[in-house]
PDB file of N, CA and C in Angstrom:
ATOM      1  N   UNK A   1     -11.575  -6.675  21.365  1.00  0.00           N
ATOM      2  CA  UNK A   1     -12.552  -7.776  20.933  1.00  0.00           C
ATOM      3  C   UNK A   1     -12.076  -7.455  19.307  1.00  0.00           C
ATOM      4  N   UNK A   2     -12.704  -8.613  19.105  1.00  0.00           N
ATOM      5  CA  UNK A   2     -11.743  -9.188  17.619  1.00  0.00           C
ATOM      6  C   UNK A   2     -13.077  -9.517  16.896  1.00  0.00           C
ATOM      7  N   UNK A   3     -13.213  -9.176  15.884  1.00  0.00           N
ATOM      8  CA  UNK A   3     -14.036  -9.957  14.909  1.00  0.00           C
ATOM      9  C   UNK A   3     -13.918 -11.162  14.158  1.00  0.00           C
ATOM     10  N   UNK A   4     -14.378 -11.903  14.206  1.00  0.00           N
ATOM     11  CA  UNK A   4     -14.120 -13.216  13.193  1.00  0.00           C
ATOM     12  C   UNK A   4     -15.232 -14.215  12.586  1.00  0.00           C
ATOM     13  N   UNK A   5     -15.283 -14.015  11.247  1.00  0.00           N
ATOM     14  CA  UNK A   5     -16.388 -15.005  10.425  1.00  0.00           C
ATOM     15  C   UNK A   5     -16.159 -16.006  10.501  1.00  0.00           C
ATOM     16  N   UNK A   6     -16.956 -16.450  10.301  1.00  0.00           N
ATOM     17  CA  UNK A   6     -17.525 -17.516  10.536  1.00  0.00           C
ATOM     18  C   UNK A   6     -17.401 -19.011   8.930  1.00  0.00           C
ATOM     19  N   UNK A   7     -17.413 -19.923   8.583  1.00  0.00           N
ATOM     20  CA  UNK A   7     -17.218 -21.074   7.802  1.00  0.00           C
ATOM     21  C   UNK A   7     -16.551 -20.409   6.730  1.00  0.00           C
ATOM     22  N   UNK A   8     -17.350 -20.302   5.465  1.00  0.00           N
ATOM     23  CA  UNK A   8     -16.761 -19.422   4.380  1.00  0.00           C
ATOM     24  C   UNK A   8     -16.740 -18.469   3.839  1.00  0.00           C
ATOM     25  N   UNK A   9     -17.034 -17.404   5.364  1.00  0.00           N
ATOM     26  CA  UNK A   9     -16.867 -16.200   4.422  1.00  0.00           C
ATOM     27  C   UNK A   9     -15.429 -15.107   5.445  1.00  0.00           C
ATOM     28  N   UNK A  10     -15.878 -13.961   4.953  1.00  0.00           N
ATOM     29  CA  UNK A  10     -14.151 -13.130   4.675  1.00  0.00           C
ATOM     30  C   UNK A  10     -15.064 -11.786   5.486  1.00  0.00           C
ATOM     31  N   UNK A  11     -14.457 -11.265   5.995  1.00  0.00           N
ATOM     32  CA  UNK A  11     -14.280  -9.207   7.156  1.00  0.00           C
ATOM     33  C   UNK A  11     -13.621  -8.886   5.744  1.00  0.00           C
ATOM     34  N   UNK A  12     -14.148  -7.737   5.448  1.00  0.00           N
ATOM     35  CA  UNK A  12     -13.426  -7.157   4.339  1.00  0.00           C
ATOM     36  C   UNK A  12     -13.544  -5.626   4.932  1.00  0.00           C
ATOM     37  N   UNK A  13     -11.908  -4.843   4.528  1.00  0.00           N
ATOM     38  CA  UNK A  13     -12.811  -3.470   4.271  1.00  0.00           C
ATOM     39  C   UNK A  13     -12.454  -2.810   2.931  1.00  0.00           C
ATOM     40  N   UNK A  14     -13.800  -2.094   2.877  1.00  0.00           N
ATOM     41  CA  UNK A  14     -13.227  -1.772   1.881  1.00  0.00           C
ATOM     42  C   UNK A  14     -12.720  -0.500   1.134  1.00  0.00           C
ATOM     43  N   UNK A  15     -12.388  -0.284   0.362  1.00  0.00           N
ATOM     44  CA  UNK A  15     -10.940   0.131  -0.440  1.00  0.00           C
ATOM     45  C   UNK A  15     -11.710   1.380  -1.360  1.00  0.00           C
ATOM     46  N   UNK A  16     -11.175   2.856  -1.094  1.00  0.00           N
ATOM     47  CA  UNK A  16     -10.855   4.219  -1.134  1.00  0.00           C
ATOM     48  C   UNK A  16     -11.436   3.680  -3.104  1.00  0.00           C
ATOM     49  N   UNK A  17     -11.939   4.665  -3.883  1.00  0.00           N
ATOM     50  CA  UNK A  17     -11.732   3.986  -5.837  1.00  0.00           C
ATOM     51  C   UNK A  17     -11.255   5.326  -5.574  1.00  0.00           C
ATOM     52  N   UNK A  18     -10.763   5.447  -6.698  1.00  0.00           N
ATOM     53  CA  UNK A  18      -9.591   6.758  -6.872  1.00  0.00           C
ATOM     54  C   UNK A  18     -10.794   7.453  -7.995  1.00  0.00           C
ATOM     55  N   UNK A  19     -10.653   8.503  -7.991  1.00  0.00           N
ATOM     56  CA  UNK A  19     -11.274   9.661  -8.301  1.00  0.00           C
ATOM     57  C   UNK A  19     -10.993   9.821  -9.764  1.00  0.00           C
ATOM     58  N   UNK A  20     -11.836   9.629 -11.396  1.00  0.00           N
ATOM     59  CA  UNK A  20     -12.025   9.376 -12.110  1.00  0.00           C
ATOM     60  C   UNK A  20     -12.775  10.160 -12.743  1.00  0.00           C
ATOM     61  N   UNK A  21     -12.403  10.302 -14.361  1.00  0.00           N
ATOM     62  CA  UNK A  21     -12.493  11.672 -15.089  1.00  0.00           C
ATOM     63  C   UNK A  21     -12.704  11.517 -16.208  1.00  0.00           C
ATOM     64  N   UNK A  22     -13.047  12.460 -16.911  1.00  0.00           N
ATOM     65  CA  UNK A  22     -14.108  12.346 -17.934  1.00  0.00           C
ATOM     66  C   UNK A  22     -12.961  13.575 -18.689  1.00  0.00           C
ATOM     67  N   UNK A  23     -12.761  12.362 -20.388  1.00  0.00           N
ATOM     68  CA  UNK A  23     -11.729  12.444 -21.122  1.00  0.00           C
ATOM     69  C   UNK A  23     -12.023  13.979 -20.904  1.00  0.00           C
ATOM     70  N   UNK A  24     -12.868  15.451 -20.963  1.00  0.00           N
ATOM     71  CA  UNK A  24     -12.761  16.776 -20.251  1.00  0.00           C
ATOM     72  C   UNK A  24     -12.522  17.264 -19.654  1.00  0.00           C
ATOM     73  N   UNK A  25     -11.740  16.385 -18.973  1.00  0.00           N
ATOM     74  CA  UNK A  25     -11.685  16.883 -17.611  1.00  0.00           C
ATOM     75  C   UNK A  25     -12.415  16.494 -15.828  1.00  0.00           C
ATOM     76  N   UNK A  26     -13.645  16.578 -16.526  1.00  0.00           N
ATOM     77  CA  UNK A  26     -14.443  16.707 -15.332  1.00  0.00           C
ATOM     78  C   UNK A  26     -14.956  15.508 -14.467  1.00  0.00           C
ATOM     79  N   UNK A  27     -14.604  15.351 -12.950  1.00  0.00           N
ATOM     80  CA  UNK A  27     -14.905  14.637 -12.473  1.00  0.00           C
ATOM     81  C   UNK A  27     -16.203  14.315 -11.298  1.00  0.00           C
ATOM     82  N   UNK A  28     -16.196  12.515 -11.936  1.00  0.00           N
ATOM     83  CA  UNK A  28     -17.075  11.990 -12.061  1.00  0.00           C
ATOM     84  C   UNK A  28     -17.928  12.094 -10.154  1.00  0.00           C
ATOM     85  N   UNK A  29     -18.879  11.545 -10.739  1.00  0.00           N
ATOM     86  CA  UNK A  29     -19.331  11.820  -8.853  1.00  0.00           C
ATOM     87  C   UNK A  29     -19.623  10.383  -9.062  1.00  0.00           C
ATOM     88  N   UNK A  30     -19.883   9.865  -7.347  1.00  0.00           N
ATOM     89  CA  UNK A  30     -19.104   8.168  -7.311  1.00  0.00           C
ATOM     90  C   UNK A  30     -21.157   7.945  -7.622  1.00  0.00           C
ATOM     91  N   UNK A  31     -21.728   8.409  -7.874  1.00  0.00           N
ATOM     92  CA  UNK A  31     -22.831   7.537  -8.308  1.00  0.00           C
ATOM     93  C   UNK A  31     -22.542   6.845  -9.990  1.00  0.00           C
ATOM     94  N   UNK A  32     -22.036   7.325 -10.280  1.00  0.00           N
ATOM     95  CA  UNK A  32     -21.944   7.293 -11.908  1.00  0.00           C
ATOM     96  C   UNK A  32     -20.576   5.616 -11.966  1.00  0.00           C
ATOM     97  N   UNK A  33     -19.564   5.717 -10.958  1.00  0.00           N
ATOM     98  CA  UNK A  33     -19.151   4.447 -11.109  1.00  0.00           C
ATOM     99  C   UNK A  33     -19.635   3.504 -10.299  1.00  0.00           C
ATOM    100  N   UNK A  34     -20.992   3.701  -9.105  1.00  0.00           N
ATOM    101  CA  UNK A  34     -21.276   2.694  -9.028  1.00  0.00           C
ATOM    102  C   UNK A  34     -21.317   1.279  -9.079  1.00  0.00           C
ATOM    103  N   UNK A  35     -22.377   0.973 -10.337  1.00  0.00           N
ATOM    104  CA  UNK A  35     -21.264  -0.452 -11.302  1.00  0.00           C
ATOM    105  C   UNK A  35     -20.074  -1.122 -11.154  1.00  0.00           C
ATOM    106  N   UNK A  36     -19.137  -0.648 -10.964  1.00  0.00           N
ATOM    107  CA  UNK A  36     -18.180  -1.251 -10.918  1.00  0.00           C
ATOM    108  C   UNK A  36     -18.131  -2.033  -9.974  1.00  0.00           C
ATOM    109  N   UNK A  37     -17.123  -3.218  -9.873  1.00  0.00           N
ATOM    110  CA  UNK A  37     -16.501  -3.895  -9.279  1.00  0.00           C
ATOM    111  C   UNK A  37     -16.012  -3.251  -8.057  1.00  0.00           C
ATOM    112  N   UNK A  38     -15.607  -3.797  -6.882  1.00  0.00           N
ATOM    113  CA  UNK A  38     -15.186  -2.728  -6.401  1.00  0.00           C
ATOM    114  C   UNK A  38     -13.940  -3.673  -4.654  1.00  0.00           C
ATOM    115  N   UNK A  39     -13.121  -2.828  -5.144  1.00  0.00           N
ATOM    116  CA  UNK A  39     -11.708  -3.449  -4.089  1.00  0.00           C
ATOM    117  C   UNK A  39     -11.613  -3.448  -2.923  1.00  0.00           C
ATOM    118  N   UNK A  40     -11.348  -4.053  -1.941  1.00  0.00           N
ATOM    119  CA  UNK A  40     -11.473  -4.760  -0.773  1.00  0.00           C
ATOM    120  C   UNK A  40      -9.764  -5.500  -0.465  1.00  0.00           C
ATOM    121  N   UNK A  41      -9.952  -5.259   1.089  1.00  0.00           N
ATOM    122  CA  UNK A  41      -8.801  -5.772   1.550  1.00  0.00           C
ATOM    123  C   UNK A  41      -9.614  -6.841   2.968  1.00  0.00           C
ATOM    124  N   UNK A  42      -8.480  -7.928   2.405  1.00  0.00           N
ATOM    125  CA  UNK A  42      -9.207  -8.908   3.485  1.00  0.00           C
ATOM    126  C   UNK A  42      -8.746  -8.943   5.136  1.00  0.00           C
ATOM    127  N   UNK A  43      -9.496  -8.182   5.966  1.00  0.00           N
ATOM    128  CA  UNK A  43      -9.012  -8.438   7.268  1.00  0.00           C
ATOM    129  C   UNK A  43      -9.270  -9.772   8.206  1.00  0.00           C
ATOM    130  N   UNK A  44      -9.716 -10.789   7.589  1.00  0.00           N
ATOM    131  CA  UNK A  44      -9.872 -11.948   8.319  1.00  0.00           C
ATOM    132  C   UNK A  44     -10.930 -12.943   7.542  1.00  0.00           C
ATOM    133  N   UNK A  45     -10.394 -13.953   8.261  1.00  0.00           N
ATOM    134  CA  UNK A  45     -11.284 -15.921   7.044  1.00  0.00           C
ATOM    135  C   UNK A  45     -11.480 -15.721   7.560  1.00  0.00           C
ATOM    136  N   UNK A  46     -12.772 -16.898   7.710  1.00  0.00           N
ATOM    137  CA  UNK A  46     -13.121 -17.911   8.286  1.00  0.00           C
ATOM    138  C   UNK A  46     -12.651 -18.882   8.197  1.00  0.00           C
ATOM    139  N   UNK A  47     -12.980 -19.973   9.010  1.00  0.00           N
ATOM    140  CA  UNK A  47     -11.964 -21.368   9.559  1.00  0.00           C
ATOM    141  C   UNK A  47     -12.020 -22.298   8.103  1.00  0.00           C
ATOM    142  N   UNK A  48     -13.067 -21.874   7.518  1.00  0.00           N
ATOM    143  CA  UNK A  48     -12.971 -23.018   5.971  1.00  0.00           C
ATOM    144  C   UNK A  48     -11.178 -23.080   5.247  1.00  0.00           C
ATOM    145  N   UNK A  49     -11.243 -24.317   5.188  1.00  0.00           N
ATOM    146  CA  UNK A  49     -10.348 -24.552   4.356  1.00  0.00           C
ATOM    147  C   UNK A  49     -10.125 -24.056   2.347  1.00  0.00           C
ATOM    148  N   UNK A  50     -11.100 -23.824   1.968  1.00  0.00           N
ATOM    149  CA  UNK A  50     -11.079 -23.992   1.091  1.00  0.00           C
ATOM    150  C   UNK A  50     -11.656 -22.640   0.296  1.00  0.00           C
ATOM    151  N   UNK A  51     -11.573 -21.300   1.477  1.00  0.00           N
ATOM    152  CA  UNK A  51     -11.786 -19.970   1.203  1.00  0.00           C
ATOM    153  C   UNK A  51     -11.254 -19.760  -0.143  1.00  0.00           C
ATOM    154  N   UNK A  52      -9.763 -20.127  -0.280  1.00  0.00           N
ATOM    155  CA  UNK A  52      -8.798 -19.231  -1.253  1.00  0.00           C
ATOM    156  C   UNK A  52      -8.148 -17.519  -1.299  1.00  0.00           C
ATOM    157  N   UNK A  53      -7.962 -17.544  -0.028  1.00  0.00           N
ATOM    158  CA  UNK A  53      -8.080 -16.568  -0.180  1.00  0.00           C
ATOM    159  C   UNK A  53      -7.253 -15.436   1.724  1.00  0.00           C
ATOM    160  N   UNK A  54      -6.410 -15.218   1.899  1.00  0.00           N
ATOM    161  CA  UNK A  54      -5.637 -14.655   3.549  1.00  0.00           C
ATOM    162  C   UNK A  54      -5.917 -13.203   3.436  1.00  0.00           C
ATOM    163  N   UNK A  55      -5.571 -12.994   5.271  1.00  0.00           N
ATOM    164  CA  UNK A  55      -5.922 -11.785   5.724  1.00  0.00           C
ATOM    165  C   UNK A  55      -4.629 -11.445   4.856  1.00  0.00           C
ATOM    166  N   UNK A  56      -4.601 -10.641   4.334  1.00  0.00           N
ATOM    167  CA  UNK A  56      -4.141  -8.838   4.013  1.00  0.00           C
ATOM    168  C   UNK A  56      -4.217  -8.570   2.491  1.00  0.00           C
ATOM    169  N   UNK A  57      -5.025  -9.769   1.672  1.00  0.00           N
ATOM    170  CA  UNK A  57      -4.979  -9.743   0.206  1.00  0.00           C
ATOM    171  C   UNK A  57      -6.337  -9.072  -0.032  1.00  0.00           C
ATOM    172  N   UNK A  58      -5.939  -8.196  -1.010  1.00  0.00           N
ATOM    173  CA  UNK A  58      -6.521  -7.596  -1.593  1.00  0.00           C
ATOM    174  C   UNK A  58      -7.249  -8.306  -2.711  1.00  0.00           C
ATOM    175  N   UNK A  59      -8.725  -7.936  -2.897  1.00  0.00           N
ATOM    176  CA  UNK A  59      -9.693  -8.722  -3.870  1.00  0.00           C
ATOM    177  C   UNK A  59     -10.401  -8.131  -4.472  1.00  0.00           C
ATOM    178  N   UNK A  60     -11.668  -8.226  -5.662  1.00  0.00           N
ATOM    179  CA  UNK A  60     -12.630  -7.911  -6.081  1.00  0.00           C
ATOM    180  C   UNK A  60     -13.862  -8.599  -5.968  1.00  0.00           C
ATOM    181  N   UNK A  61     -14.866  -7.836  -5.699  1.00  0.00           N
ATOM    182  CA  UNK A  61     -16.336  -8.420  -5.176  1.00  0.00           C
ATOM    183  C   UNK A  61     -17.150  -7.102  -6.384  1.00  0.00           C
ATOM    184  N   UNK A  62     -18.095  -8.192  -6.459  1.00  0.00           N
ATOM    185  CA  UNK A  62     -19.399  -7.062  -6.887  1.00  0.00           C
ATOM    186  C   UNK A  62     -19.473  -5.702  -6.041  1.00  0.00           C
ATOM    187  N   UNK A  63     -20.392  -4.910  -6.519  1.00  0.00           N
ATOM    188  CA  UNK A  63     -20.577  -3.634  -5.593  1.00  0.00           C
ATOM    189  C   UNK A  63     -21.668  -4.105  -4.682  1.00  0.00           C
ATOM    190  N   UNK A  64     -22.929  -4.564  -4.569  1.00  0.00           N
ATOM    191  CA  UNK A  64     -24.014  -4.989  -3.778  1.00  0.00           C
ATOM    192  C   UNK A  64     -23.929  -6.288  -3.163  1.00  0.00           C
ATOM    193  N   UNK A  65     -22.669  -6.465  -2.791  1.00  0.00           N
ATOM    194  CA  UNK A  65     -22.572  -7.899  -2.207  1.00  0.00           C
ATOM    195  C   UNK A  65     -21.918  -8.248  -1.175  1.00  0.00           C
ATOM    196  N   UNK A  66     -22.217  -9.290  -0.083  1.00  0.00           N
ATOM    197  CA  UNK A  66     -21.756  -9.316   1.652  1.00  0.00           C
ATOM    198  C   UNK A  66     -22.961  -8.666   2.079  1.00  0.00           C
ATOM    199  N   UNK A  67     -22.859  -8.235   3.448  1.00  0.00           N
ATOM    200  CA  UNK A  67     -23.511  -7.655   4.615  1.00  0.00           C
ATOM    201  C   UNK A  67     -22.706  -6.175   4.732  1.00  0.00           C
ATOM    202  N   UNK A  68     -22.866  -5.285   5.374  1.00  0.00           N
ATOM    203  CA  UNK A  68     -22.268  -3.964   5.203  1.00  0.00           C
ATOM    204  C   UNK A  68     -22.379  -4.024   6.887  1.00  0.00           C
ATOM    205  N   UNK A  69     -21.249  -3.519   7.994  1.00  0.00           N
ATOM    206  CA  UNK A  69     -21.883  -3.467   9.124  1.00  0.00           C
ATOM    207  C   UNK A  69     -20.459  -2.112   9.430  1.00  0.00           C
ATOM    208  N   UNK A  70     -20.626  -1.645  10.460  1.00  0.00           N
ATOM    209  CA  UNK A  70     -19.057  -0.613  11.389  1.00  0.00           C
ATOM    210  C   UNK A  70     -18.870  -1.553  12.981  1.00  0.00           C
ATOM    211  N   UNK A  71     -17.649  -1.427  12.226  1.00  0.00           N
ATOM    212  CA  UNK A  71     -16.356  -2.223  13.776  1.00  0.00           C
ATOM    213  C   UNK A  71     -15.687  -1.001  14.326  1.00  0.00           C
ATOM    214  N   UNK A  72     -15.973  -0.907  15.268  1.00  0.00           N
ATOM    215  CA  UNK A  72     -14.866   0.035  15.326  1.00  0.00           C
ATOM    216  C   UNK A  72     -14.678   1.549  14.566  1.00  0.00           C
ATOM    217  N   UNK A  73     -15.684   1.918  14.664  1.00  0.00           N
ATOM    218  CA  UNK A  73     -15.972   3.147  13.407  1.00  0.00           C
ATOM    219  C   UNK A  73     -15.675   3.439  11.811  1.00  0.00           C
ATOM    220  N   UNK A  74     -15.605   1.663  11.713  1.00  0.00           N
ATOM    221  CA  UNK A  74     -15.165   1.173   9.767  1.00  0.00           C
ATOM    222  C   UNK A  74     -16.423   0.682   9.851  1.00  0.00           C
ATOM    223  N   UNK A  75     -16.198   1.079   7.688  1.00  0.00           N
ATOM    224  CA  UNK A  75     -17.399   0.450   7.795  1.00  0.00           C
ATOM    225  C   UNK A  75     -17.004  -0.635   6.521  1.00  0.00           C
ATOM    226  N   UNK A  76     -17.656  -1.602   7.244  1.00  0.00           N
ATOM    227  CA  UNK A  76     -16.415  -2.975   6.801  1.00  0.00           C
ATOM    228  C   UNK A  76     -18.227  -3.720   6.211  1.00  0.00           C
ATOM    229  N   UNK A  77     -17.275  -5.023   6.012  1.00  0.00           N
ATOM    230  CA  UNK A  77     -18.416  -6.103   4.603  1.00  0.00           C
ATOM    231  C   UNK A  77     -18.003  -7.372   5.354  1.00  0.00           C
ATOM    232  N   UNK A  78     -19.060  -8.314   5.257  1.00  0.00           N
ATOM    233  CA  UNK A  78     -19.094  -9.470   5.492  1.00  0.00           C
ATOM    234  C   UNK A  78     -20.038 -10.707   4.099  1.00  0.00           C
ATOM    235  N   UNK A  79     -18.576 -11.131   3.306  1.00  0.00           N
ATOM    236  CA  UNK A  79     -18.894 -10.914   2.436  1.00  0.00           C
ATOM    237  C   UNK A  79     -18.545 -13.211   2.723  1.00  0.00           C
ATOM    238  N   UNK A  80     -18.987 -13.793   1.776  1.00  0.00           N
ATOM    239  CA  UNK A  80     -19.325 -15.394   0.773  1.00  0.00           C
ATOM    240  C   UNK A  80     -18.170 -15.788   0.974  1.00  0.00           C
ATOM    241  N   UNK A  81     -16.965 -16.641   0.507  1.00  0.00           N
ATOM    242  CA  UNK A  81     -16.633 -16.291  -0.312  1.00  0.00           C
ATOM    243  C   UNK A  81     -16.602 -16.751  -2.169  1.00  0.00           C
ATOM    244  N   UNK A  82     -17.669 -17.261  -1.773  1.00  0.00           N
ATOM    245  CA  UNK A  82     -17.693 -17.732  -3.422  1.00  0.00           C
ATOM    246  C   UNK A  82     -18.583 -16.381  -4.114  1.00  0.00           C
ATOM    247  N   UNK A  83     -18.454 -15.356  -3.890  1.00  0.00           N
ATOM    248  CA  UNK A  83     -18.866 -13.653  -4.237  1.00  0.00           C
ATOM    249  C   UNK A  83     -17.592 -13.046  -3.860  1.00  0.00           C
ATOM    250  N   UNK A  84     -16.670 -13.421  -3.726  1.00  0.00           N
ATOM    251  CA  UNK A  84     -15.186 -13.142  -4.482  1.00  0.00           C
ATOM    252  C   UNK A  84     -14.677 -13.281  -6.072  1.00  0.00           C
ATOM    253  N   UNK A  85     -14.443 -12.726  -6.233  1.00  0.00           N
ATOM    254  CA  UNK A  85     -14.183 -12.461  -8.140  1.00  0.00           C
ATOM    255  C   UNK A  85     -13.039 -12.155  -8.412  1.00  0.00           C
ATOM    256  N   UNK A  86     -11.978 -11.945  -7.933  1.00  0.00           N
ATOM    257  CA  UNK A  86     -10.233 -12.231  -7.472  1.00  0.00           C
ATOM    258  C   UNK A  86      -9.334 -12.041  -6.951  1.00  0.00           C
ATOM    259  N   UNK A  87      -8.324 -12.019  -6.956  1.00  0.00           N
ATOM    260  CA  UNK A  87      -7.223 -11.662  -6.091  1.00  0.00           C
ATOM    261  C   UNK A  87      -6.482 -10.877  -6.399  1.00  0.00           C
ATOM    262  N   UNK A  88      -5.896 -10.373  -6.270  1.00  0.00           N
ATOM    263  CA  UNK A  88      -5.299  -8.833  -6.782  1.00  0.00           C
ATOM    264  C   UNK A  88      -4.060  -9.073  -6.429  1.00  0.00           C
ATOM    265  N   UNK A  89      -3.357  -9.371  -7.326  1.00  0.00           N
ATOM    266  CA  UNK A  89      -1.806  -9.762  -7.011  1.00  0.00           C
ATOM    267  C   UNK A  89      -0.950  -8.336  -7.943  1.00  0.00           C
ATOM    268  N   UNK A  90      -0.205  -7.732  -6.927  1.00  0.00           N
ATOM    269  CA  UNK A  90       0.515  -6.694  -6.875  1.00  0.00           C
ATOM    270  C   UNK A  90       1.688  -8.021  -7.971  1.00  0.00           C
ATOM    271  N   UNK A  91       2.455  -6.693  -9.210  1.00  0.00           N
ATOM    272  CA  UNK A  91       3.586  -7.303 -10.130  1.00  0.00           C
ATOM    273  C   UNK A  91       5.140  -6.799  -9.932  1.00  0.00           C
TER     274      UNK A  91
END
């Protein structure tokens, strides 16, 4: 089975954030980092031609946006294209 988003939505797989350390070398827990934007990989996009991202892109999204779901034992997000902040391009 395959999960295909509708309209202007994208199916995303959140990427694990890097472990952060304070200047003193203390590892900061996830709760401290939760206010920053989240990186995610685009797994599928809806049929809307104006969505602006494609499969395989890495994007930046607000931390608490979209709808969370579990599919094939993976935690995924379905998000509207208008909630995607940026595409991260590798240089």
